[in-house]
N, C-alpha and C. Protein backbone atom coordinates (compact mmCIF):
# COMPACT_ATOMS: atom_id res chain seq x y z
N ASN A 1 12.50 -2.52 14.72
CA ASN A 1 11.70 -2.69 15.91
C ASN A 1 10.21 -2.60 15.58
N TYR A 2 9.42 -3.12 16.47
CA TYR A 2 7.97 -3.10 16.28
C TYR A 2 7.46 -1.66 16.25
N GLY A 3 6.58 -1.34 15.30
CA GLY A 3 5.93 -0.03 15.25
C GLY A 3 6.85 1.13 14.93
N THR A 4 8.00 0.86 14.34
CA THR A 4 8.97 1.93 14.09
C THR A 4 8.54 2.84 12.94
N ILE A 5 8.55 4.14 13.22
CA ILE A 5 8.37 5.17 12.20
C ILE A 5 9.49 6.17 12.39
N VAL A 6 10.21 6.46 11.30
CA VAL A 6 11.23 7.50 11.34
C VAL A 6 10.86 8.57 10.32
N ARG A 7 11.26 9.80 10.59
CA ARG A 7 10.84 10.94 9.78
C ARG A 7 12.04 11.85 9.53
N THR A 8 12.11 12.41 8.32
CA THR A 8 13.14 13.37 7.99
C THR A 8 12.50 14.66 7.49
N THR A 9 13.14 15.77 7.78
CA THR A 9 12.68 17.07 7.27
C THR A 9 13.80 17.78 6.52
N ASN A 10 14.91 17.05 6.25
CA ASN A 10 16.05 17.66 5.56
C ASN A 10 16.58 16.76 4.43
N GLY A 11 15.69 16.12 3.72
CA GLY A 11 16.08 15.31 2.57
C GLY A 11 16.77 14.01 2.91
N GLY A 12 16.64 13.55 4.14
CA GLY A 12 17.19 12.26 4.53
C GLY A 12 18.54 12.31 5.22
N GLU A 13 19.07 13.49 5.48
CA GLU A 13 20.35 13.59 6.18
C GLU A 13 20.21 13.15 7.63
N ILE A 14 19.12 13.52 8.28
CA ILE A 14 18.86 13.14 9.66
C ILE A 14 17.46 12.56 9.74
N TRP A 15 17.34 11.42 10.43
CA TRP A 15 16.06 10.76 10.64
C TRP A 15 15.74 10.76 12.12
N THR A 16 14.48 11.07 12.46
CA THR A 16 14.03 11.15 13.84
C THR A 16 12.96 10.10 14.10
N LEU A 17 13.11 9.36 15.18
CA LEU A 17 12.14 8.35 15.57
C LEU A 17 10.84 9.04 16.00
N GLN A 18 9.71 8.57 15.48
CA GLN A 18 8.39 9.10 15.81
C GLN A 18 7.62 8.04 16.59
N SER A 19 6.73 8.45 17.46
CA SER A 19 5.88 7.52 18.19
C SER A 19 4.72 7.10 17.30
N SER A 20 4.60 5.78 17.08
CA SER A 20 3.51 5.26 16.26
C SER A 20 2.33 4.84 17.12
N GLY A 21 2.55 4.61 18.41
CA GLY A 21 1.48 4.16 19.28
C GLY A 21 1.16 2.68 19.15
N THR A 22 2.01 1.92 18.46
CA THR A 22 1.77 0.49 18.28
C THR A 22 3.05 -0.29 18.47
N THR A 23 2.89 -1.57 18.76
CA THR A 23 4.04 -2.47 18.81
C THR A 23 3.98 -3.47 17.65
N LYS A 24 3.05 -3.27 16.72
CA LYS A 24 2.93 -4.15 15.56
C LYS A 24 3.88 -3.67 14.46
N TYR A 25 4.32 -4.63 13.63
CA TYR A 25 5.17 -4.28 12.49
C TYR A 25 4.41 -3.44 11.49
N LEU A 26 5.10 -2.47 10.89
CA LEU A 26 4.55 -1.63 9.84
C LEU A 26 5.28 -1.95 8.54
N TYR A 27 4.54 -2.00 7.40
CA TYR A 27 5.13 -2.45 6.14
C TYR A 27 4.99 -1.46 4.99
N GLY A 28 4.04 -0.53 5.05
CA GLY A 28 3.86 0.38 3.93
C GLY A 28 3.38 1.74 4.40
N VAL A 29 3.70 2.77 3.61
CA VAL A 29 3.28 4.13 3.93
C VAL A 29 3.04 4.90 2.64
N SER A 30 2.07 5.82 2.67
CA SER A 30 1.76 6.65 1.51
C SER A 30 1.33 8.03 2.00
N PHE A 31 1.92 9.07 1.41
CA PHE A 31 1.53 10.45 1.72
C PHE A 31 0.90 11.09 0.49
N THR A 32 -0.16 11.89 0.71
CA THR A 32 -0.81 12.60 -0.39
C THR A 32 -0.38 14.06 -0.45
N ASP A 33 0.17 14.57 0.65
CA ASP A 33 0.72 15.92 0.69
C ASP A 33 1.69 15.98 1.87
N LEU A 34 2.18 17.15 2.20
CA LEU A 34 3.17 17.28 3.28
C LEU A 34 2.66 16.82 4.63
N ASN A 35 1.35 16.87 4.85
CA ASN A 35 0.79 16.57 6.16
C ASN A 35 0.05 15.25 6.28
N THR A 36 -0.59 14.78 5.21
CA THR A 36 -1.51 13.65 5.29
C THR A 36 -0.87 12.36 4.80
N GLY A 37 -0.79 11.37 5.70
CA GLY A 37 -0.21 10.09 5.34
C GLY A 37 -0.88 8.93 6.04
N THR A 38 -0.72 7.74 5.46
CA THR A 38 -1.28 6.51 6.00
C THR A 38 -0.21 5.44 6.00
N ALA A 39 -0.14 4.69 7.10
CA ALA A 39 0.78 3.55 7.23
C ALA A 39 -0.04 2.30 7.53
N VAL A 40 0.44 1.13 7.06
CA VAL A 40 -0.26 -0.13 7.26
C VAL A 40 0.70 -1.19 7.77
N GLY A 41 0.12 -2.23 8.43
CA GLY A 41 0.97 -3.28 8.97
C GLY A 41 0.23 -4.52 9.40
N ASP A 42 0.82 -5.21 10.38
CA ASP A 42 0.29 -6.49 10.88
C ASP A 42 -1.14 -6.38 11.36
N SER A 43 -1.86 -7.47 11.21
CA SER A 43 -3.24 -7.62 11.73
C SER A 43 -4.19 -6.54 11.24
N GLY A 44 -3.98 -6.05 10.02
CA GLY A 44 -4.87 -5.04 9.46
C GLY A 44 -4.68 -3.65 10.03
N LEU A 45 -3.55 -3.41 10.70
CA LEU A 45 -3.29 -2.10 11.31
C LEU A 45 -3.23 -1.00 10.26
N ILE A 46 -3.97 0.09 10.52
CA ILE A 46 -3.94 1.28 9.67
C ILE A 46 -3.74 2.49 10.58
N LEU A 47 -2.69 3.26 10.30
CA LEU A 47 -2.41 4.49 11.05
C LEU A 47 -2.50 5.67 10.11
N LYS A 48 -2.94 6.83 10.64
CA LYS A 48 -3.04 8.03 9.82
C LYS A 48 -2.41 9.21 10.55
N THR A 49 -1.73 10.06 9.78
CA THR A 49 -1.20 11.31 10.31
C THR A 49 -1.77 12.47 9.50
N THR A 50 -2.02 13.59 10.16
CA THR A 50 -2.46 14.81 9.47
C THR A 50 -1.52 15.97 9.79
N ASN A 51 -0.36 15.63 10.42
CA ASN A 51 0.60 16.68 10.76
C ASN A 51 2.02 16.29 10.34
N GLY A 52 2.12 15.70 9.17
CA GLY A 52 3.42 15.39 8.60
C GLY A 52 4.16 14.26 9.27
N GLY A 53 3.49 13.44 10.04
CA GLY A 53 4.11 12.30 10.67
C GLY A 53 4.54 12.52 12.10
N GLU A 54 4.24 13.69 12.65
CA GLU A 54 4.60 13.94 14.05
C GLU A 54 3.81 13.03 14.99
N THR A 55 2.52 12.84 14.71
CA THR A 55 1.69 11.93 15.50
C THR A 55 0.88 11.05 14.55
N TRP A 56 0.56 9.85 15.03
CA TRP A 56 -0.18 8.87 14.25
C TRP A 56 -1.37 8.38 15.06
N ILE A 57 -2.53 8.27 14.40
CA ILE A 57 -3.77 7.82 15.02
C ILE A 57 -4.20 6.52 14.35
N SER A 58 -4.57 5.52 15.15
CA SER A 58 -5.04 4.26 14.62
C SER A 58 -6.43 4.44 14.03
N GLN A 59 -6.64 3.87 12.84
CA GLN A 59 -7.95 3.89 12.20
C GLN A 59 -8.56 2.50 12.31
N HIS A 60 -9.85 2.43 12.27
CA HIS A 60 -10.55 1.15 12.34
C HIS A 60 -10.29 0.35 11.07
N SER A 61 -9.83 -0.88 11.25
CA SER A 61 -9.63 -1.76 10.11
C SER A 61 -10.73 -2.82 10.11
N ILE A 62 -11.10 -3.25 8.93
CA ILE A 62 -12.17 -4.24 8.81
C ILE A 62 -11.64 -5.65 8.64
N ILE A 63 -10.31 -5.79 8.64
CA ILE A 63 -9.72 -7.12 8.45
C ILE A 63 -8.69 -7.38 9.54
N ASN A 64 -8.32 -8.64 9.68
CA ASN A 64 -7.29 -9.01 10.64
C ASN A 64 -6.16 -9.73 9.90
N LYS A 65 -5.80 -9.23 8.73
CA LYS A 65 -4.74 -9.82 7.92
C LYS A 65 -3.63 -8.78 7.74
N LYS A 66 -2.41 -9.27 7.57
CA LYS A 66 -1.26 -8.40 7.37
C LYS A 66 -1.46 -7.55 6.10
N LEU A 67 -1.26 -6.24 6.26
CA LEU A 67 -1.29 -5.33 5.12
C LEU A 67 0.15 -4.96 4.78
N ASN A 68 0.53 -5.10 3.51
CA ASN A 68 1.92 -4.91 3.08
C ASN A 68 2.18 -3.58 2.41
N SER A 69 1.16 -2.96 1.83
CA SER A 69 1.39 -1.75 1.05
C SER A 69 0.11 -0.93 1.00
N VAL A 70 0.28 0.39 0.84
CA VAL A 70 -0.86 1.29 0.72
C VAL A 70 -0.52 2.36 -0.30
N SER A 71 -1.52 2.81 -1.05
CA SER A 71 -1.31 3.87 -2.04
C SER A 71 -2.53 4.78 -2.07
N PHE A 72 -2.28 6.07 -1.92
CA PHE A 72 -3.31 7.10 -2.07
C PHE A 72 -2.90 7.99 -3.22
N LYS A 73 -3.84 8.38 -4.07
CA LYS A 73 -3.56 9.33 -5.13
C LYS A 73 -4.17 10.68 -4.84
N ASP A 74 -5.09 10.73 -3.90
CA ASP A 74 -5.62 11.99 -3.39
C ASP A 74 -5.99 11.77 -1.93
N LYS A 75 -6.49 12.77 -1.26
CA LYS A 75 -6.76 12.64 0.18
C LYS A 75 -7.87 11.66 0.51
N ASN A 76 -8.71 11.30 -0.46
CA ASN A 76 -9.87 10.46 -0.19
C ASN A 76 -9.72 9.01 -0.60
N ILE A 77 -9.24 8.76 -1.82
CA ILE A 77 -9.25 7.40 -2.35
C ILE A 77 -7.90 6.73 -2.14
N GLY A 78 -7.95 5.58 -1.44
CA GLY A 78 -6.74 4.81 -1.17
C GLY A 78 -7.01 3.33 -1.20
N ILE A 79 -5.95 2.57 -1.47
CA ILE A 79 -6.02 1.12 -1.54
C ILE A 79 -4.89 0.57 -0.68
N ALA A 80 -5.20 -0.47 0.10
CA ALA A 80 -4.18 -1.22 0.83
C ALA A 80 -4.28 -2.68 0.42
N VAL A 81 -3.13 -3.35 0.33
CA VAL A 81 -3.11 -4.76 -0.08
C VAL A 81 -2.32 -5.57 0.93
N GLY A 82 -2.62 -6.88 0.98
CA GLY A 82 -1.94 -7.73 1.94
C GLY A 82 -2.05 -9.20 1.66
N ASN A 83 -1.91 -9.97 2.71
CA ASN A 83 -1.89 -11.43 2.61
C ASN A 83 -3.24 -11.99 2.17
N LEU A 84 -3.19 -13.19 1.60
CA LEU A 84 -4.37 -13.94 1.17
C LEU A 84 -5.22 -13.16 0.16
N GLY A 85 -4.59 -12.40 -0.73
CA GLY A 85 -5.30 -11.67 -1.76
C GLY A 85 -6.08 -10.48 -1.27
N THR A 86 -5.75 -9.98 -0.09
CA THR A 86 -6.50 -8.89 0.54
C THR A 86 -6.31 -7.57 -0.20
N ILE A 87 -7.42 -6.95 -0.55
CA ILE A 87 -7.44 -5.58 -1.06
C ILE A 87 -8.55 -4.85 -0.32
N ILE A 88 -8.21 -3.73 0.31
CA ILE A 88 -9.23 -2.89 0.94
C ILE A 88 -9.14 -1.50 0.35
N ARG A 89 -10.27 -0.80 0.33
CA ARG A 89 -10.36 0.50 -0.34
C ARG A 89 -11.12 1.49 0.53
N THR A 90 -10.64 2.73 0.51
CA THR A 90 -11.36 3.82 1.17
C THR A 90 -11.66 4.90 0.15
N THR A 91 -12.79 5.55 0.32
CA THR A 91 -13.16 6.69 -0.53
C THR A 91 -13.35 7.95 0.31
N ASN A 92 -13.03 7.85 1.62
CA ASN A 92 -13.23 9.00 2.50
C ASN A 92 -12.00 9.25 3.39
N GLY A 93 -10.82 9.06 2.80
CA GLY A 93 -9.59 9.36 3.52
C GLY A 93 -9.23 8.39 4.61
N GLY A 94 -9.85 7.23 4.63
CA GLY A 94 -9.52 6.21 5.61
C GLY A 94 -10.47 6.12 6.79
N SER A 95 -11.50 6.96 6.81
CA SER A 95 -12.48 6.85 7.91
C SER A 95 -13.20 5.51 7.88
N ALA A 96 -13.43 4.99 6.68
CA ALA A 96 -14.04 3.67 6.51
C ALA A 96 -13.36 2.97 5.35
N TRP A 97 -13.23 1.66 5.47
CA TRP A 97 -12.60 0.83 4.44
C TRP A 97 -13.57 -0.28 4.05
N THR A 98 -13.54 -0.68 2.78
CA THR A 98 -14.35 -1.80 2.31
C THR A 98 -13.44 -2.84 1.66
N VAL A 99 -13.81 -4.10 1.79
CA VAL A 99 -13.05 -5.19 1.17
C VAL A 99 -13.38 -5.23 -0.31
N GLN A 100 -12.35 -5.34 -1.14
CA GLN A 100 -12.51 -5.49 -2.58
C GLN A 100 -12.17 -6.92 -2.97
N SER A 101 -12.82 -7.44 -3.97
CA SER A 101 -12.55 -8.80 -4.41
C SER A 101 -11.35 -8.81 -5.35
N SER A 102 -10.29 -9.53 -4.95
CA SER A 102 -9.13 -9.67 -5.83
C SER A 102 -9.27 -10.92 -6.70
N GLY A 103 -10.09 -11.88 -6.26
CA GLY A 103 -10.27 -13.12 -7.00
C GLY A 103 -9.12 -14.11 -6.81
N ILE A 104 -8.17 -13.79 -5.94
CA ILE A 104 -7.03 -14.67 -5.72
C ILE A 104 -6.76 -14.81 -4.22
N SER A 105 -5.87 -15.75 -3.86
CA SER A 105 -5.55 -15.93 -2.44
C SER A 105 -4.05 -15.84 -2.17
N THR A 106 -3.28 -15.36 -3.14
CA THR A 106 -1.84 -15.21 -2.94
C THR A 106 -1.53 -13.92 -2.17
N LYS A 107 -0.32 -13.86 -1.66
CA LYS A 107 0.14 -12.70 -0.90
C LYS A 107 0.38 -11.53 -1.86
N LEU A 108 -0.28 -10.39 -1.58
CA LEU A 108 -0.09 -9.19 -2.38
C LEU A 108 0.90 -8.29 -1.66
N ARG A 109 1.93 -7.80 -2.36
CA ARG A 109 3.04 -7.10 -1.72
C ARG A 109 3.11 -5.60 -1.96
N SER A 110 2.64 -5.12 -3.12
CA SER A 110 2.83 -3.70 -3.42
C SER A 110 1.69 -3.20 -4.30
N VAL A 111 1.32 -1.94 -4.10
CA VAL A 111 0.28 -1.30 -4.89
C VAL A 111 0.76 0.08 -5.30
N CYS A 112 0.44 0.46 -6.54
CA CYS A 112 0.81 1.79 -7.04
C CYS A 112 -0.29 2.30 -7.95
N PHE A 113 -0.67 3.56 -7.74
CA PHE A 113 -1.62 4.23 -8.63
C PHE A 113 -0.89 5.31 -9.41
N SER A 114 -1.09 5.32 -10.73
CA SER A 114 -0.48 6.36 -11.57
C SER A 114 -1.38 7.58 -11.66
N ASP A 115 -2.66 7.41 -11.43
CA ASP A 115 -3.62 8.50 -11.37
C ASP A 115 -4.82 8.01 -10.57
N GLU A 116 -5.88 8.79 -10.49
CA GLU A 116 -7.01 8.41 -9.63
C GLU A 116 -7.74 7.15 -10.08
N ASN A 117 -7.57 6.71 -11.33
CA ASN A 117 -8.27 5.54 -11.84
C ASN A 117 -7.41 4.30 -12.02
N ASN A 118 -6.16 4.49 -12.44
CA ASN A 118 -5.32 3.38 -12.86
C ASN A 118 -4.33 2.96 -11.78
N GLY A 119 -4.46 1.68 -11.37
CA GLY A 119 -3.58 1.14 -10.34
C GLY A 119 -3.17 -0.28 -10.65
N THR A 120 -2.03 -0.66 -10.06
CA THR A 120 -1.48 -2.00 -10.26
C THR A 120 -1.04 -2.57 -8.92
N VAL A 121 -1.30 -3.86 -8.72
CA VAL A 121 -0.89 -4.59 -7.53
C VAL A 121 -0.02 -5.75 -7.99
N VAL A 122 1.06 -6.03 -7.23
CA VAL A 122 1.90 -7.20 -7.51
C VAL A 122 2.02 -8.04 -6.26
N GLY A 123 2.37 -9.34 -6.47
CA GLY A 123 2.50 -10.23 -5.33
C GLY A 123 3.21 -11.52 -5.66
N HIS A 124 2.97 -12.50 -4.81
CA HIS A 124 3.64 -13.79 -4.94
C HIS A 124 3.22 -14.51 -6.21
N LEU A 125 4.09 -15.40 -6.67
CA LEU A 125 3.87 -16.24 -7.84
C LEU A 125 3.62 -15.43 -9.11
N GLY A 126 4.24 -14.26 -9.20
CA GLY A 126 4.13 -13.43 -10.40
C GLY A 126 2.79 -12.73 -10.56
N THR A 127 2.03 -12.63 -9.48
CA THR A 127 0.70 -12.03 -9.54
C THR A 127 0.76 -10.55 -9.90
N ILE A 128 -0.03 -10.16 -10.90
CA ILE A 128 -0.24 -8.75 -11.24
C ILE A 128 -1.73 -8.54 -11.42
N LEU A 129 -2.28 -7.57 -10.69
CA LEU A 129 -3.68 -7.17 -10.83
C LEU A 129 -3.72 -5.72 -11.27
N LYS A 130 -4.69 -5.38 -12.11
CA LYS A 130 -4.81 -4.02 -12.62
C LYS A 130 -6.24 -3.52 -12.47
N THR A 131 -6.37 -2.22 -12.17
CA THR A 131 -7.67 -1.58 -12.13
C THR A 131 -7.63 -0.33 -13.01
N SER A 132 -8.75 -0.02 -13.61
CA SER A 132 -8.86 1.23 -14.38
C SER A 132 -10.04 2.06 -13.88
N ASN A 133 -10.60 1.64 -12.72
CA ASN A 133 -11.74 2.37 -12.16
C ASN A 133 -11.53 2.71 -10.68
N GLY A 134 -10.30 3.07 -10.35
CA GLY A 134 -10.00 3.52 -8.99
C GLY A 134 -9.96 2.44 -7.95
N GLY A 135 -9.96 1.18 -8.37
CA GLY A 135 -9.89 0.07 -7.42
C GLY A 135 -11.22 -0.59 -7.13
N SER A 136 -12.27 -0.18 -7.84
CA SER A 136 -13.57 -0.83 -7.64
C SER A 136 -13.53 -2.29 -8.07
N THR A 137 -12.85 -2.58 -9.19
CA THR A 137 -12.68 -3.95 -9.67
C THR A 137 -11.24 -4.14 -10.11
N TRP A 138 -10.78 -5.40 -10.04
CA TRP A 138 -9.40 -5.76 -10.36
C TRP A 138 -9.36 -6.90 -11.35
N ASN A 139 -8.45 -6.83 -12.33
CA ASN A 139 -8.31 -7.87 -13.34
C ASN A 139 -6.91 -8.46 -13.29
N LEU A 140 -6.83 -9.80 -13.30
CA LEU A 140 -5.56 -10.50 -13.29
C LEU A 140 -4.86 -10.33 -14.64
N GLN A 141 -3.58 -10.00 -14.59
CA GLN A 141 -2.77 -9.81 -15.80
C GLN A 141 -1.71 -10.90 -15.87
N SER A 142 -1.25 -11.22 -17.07
CA SER A 142 -0.18 -12.19 -17.23
C SER A 142 1.16 -11.50 -17.01
N SER A 143 1.98 -12.06 -16.11
CA SER A 143 3.28 -11.46 -15.84
C SER A 143 4.41 -12.17 -16.58
N GLY A 144 4.19 -13.42 -16.97
CA GLY A 144 5.23 -14.17 -17.65
C GLY A 144 6.26 -14.76 -16.70
N THR A 145 6.03 -14.65 -15.38
CA THR A 145 6.96 -15.21 -14.40
C THR A 145 6.17 -15.82 -13.24
N SER A 146 6.80 -16.78 -12.57
CA SER A 146 6.21 -17.31 -11.35
C SER A 146 7.00 -16.83 -10.13
N ASN A 147 7.99 -15.96 -10.36
CA ASN A 147 8.76 -15.40 -9.25
C ASN A 147 7.88 -14.44 -8.45
N HIS A 148 8.14 -14.40 -7.15
CA HIS A 148 7.42 -13.46 -6.29
C HIS A 148 7.80 -12.04 -6.68
N LEU A 149 6.80 -11.16 -6.77
CA LEU A 149 7.02 -9.74 -7.07
C LEU A 149 6.78 -8.95 -5.79
N TYR A 150 7.70 -8.00 -5.50
CA TYR A 150 7.66 -7.27 -4.23
C TYR A 150 7.43 -5.77 -4.37
N GLY A 151 7.66 -5.21 -5.53
CA GLY A 151 7.48 -3.76 -5.69
C GLY A 151 6.99 -3.42 -7.07
N VAL A 152 6.22 -2.32 -7.16
CA VAL A 152 5.71 -1.84 -8.44
C VAL A 152 5.65 -0.32 -8.41
N SER A 153 5.97 0.30 -9.55
CA SER A 153 5.91 1.75 -9.67
C SER A 153 5.53 2.12 -11.10
N PHE A 154 4.58 3.04 -11.23
CA PHE A 154 4.15 3.54 -12.53
C PHE A 154 4.30 5.05 -12.57
N ILE A 155 4.75 5.59 -13.72
CA ILE A 155 4.83 7.04 -13.89
C ILE A 155 3.62 7.58 -14.64
N ASP A 156 2.93 6.70 -15.37
CA ASP A 156 1.67 7.01 -16.02
C ASP A 156 0.94 5.69 -16.22
N PRO A 157 -0.29 5.68 -16.72
CA PRO A 157 -1.03 4.41 -16.83
C PRO A 157 -0.36 3.34 -17.69
N ASN A 158 0.57 3.72 -18.56
CA ASN A 158 1.18 2.76 -19.48
C ASN A 158 2.62 2.38 -19.16
N LYS A 159 3.33 3.17 -18.37
CA LYS A 159 4.75 2.93 -18.13
C LYS A 159 5.02 2.61 -16.67
N GLY A 160 5.43 1.34 -16.44
CA GLY A 160 5.70 0.91 -15.08
C GLY A 160 6.73 -0.19 -15.01
N ILE A 161 7.20 -0.43 -13.80
CA ILE A 161 8.20 -1.47 -13.53
C ILE A 161 7.74 -2.25 -12.29
N ALA A 162 7.91 -3.57 -12.35
CA ALA A 162 7.72 -4.44 -11.20
C ALA A 162 9.02 -5.18 -10.95
N VAL A 163 9.34 -5.42 -9.67
CA VAL A 163 10.57 -6.11 -9.32
C VAL A 163 10.28 -7.24 -8.34
N GLY A 164 11.19 -8.26 -8.35
CA GLY A 164 10.96 -9.37 -7.44
C GLY A 164 12.14 -10.29 -7.29
N ASP A 165 11.84 -11.53 -6.87
CA ASP A 165 12.85 -12.55 -6.60
C ASP A 165 13.79 -12.77 -7.78
N SER A 166 15.00 -13.21 -7.45
CA SER A 166 16.01 -13.60 -8.43
C SER A 166 16.32 -12.50 -9.44
N GLY A 167 16.22 -11.26 -9.02
CA GLY A 167 16.53 -10.13 -9.90
C GLY A 167 15.47 -9.86 -10.94
N THR A 168 14.25 -10.35 -10.74
CA THR A 168 13.17 -10.15 -11.70
C THR A 168 12.86 -8.67 -11.85
N ILE A 169 12.86 -8.19 -13.10
CA ILE A 169 12.42 -6.83 -13.42
C ILE A 169 11.49 -6.96 -14.61
N LEU A 170 10.26 -6.49 -14.45
CA LEU A 170 9.26 -6.54 -15.54
C LEU A 170 8.92 -5.14 -15.99
């Protein structure tokens, strides 16, 4: 359903519907601690919680494009990615966001930071972007595939996995 947020406090045995205050689709969520989280969705929607997901407050977005994923590595610095090569960045916990240049126009689907400096974004047509300065600048990487990539996860700056169409695992 539109604007659906569910929350668990017992390891996933029971999920409780939370009020998001929106009817727009939500696509990504990132928590930096037990209380502070950010969710993103259609039309540049950004929601923030400071009480573990019990309530969500809409934050001002600077774009009107679908946001697919968000990643915070601390309470201040976060990146959200979306359609048409959209990358936005906050350095103050989401109070303000700035547009970052991705240099591309493909759909970006997932973002992951392994630490405060090193992050990776994946998207359509095998797109992989990498940053080593907290998201200030992004560099296109060769993926070796033209399959759409939908998810990425890193455990440290050097070890990561990306997944996508047709069983693609990089």
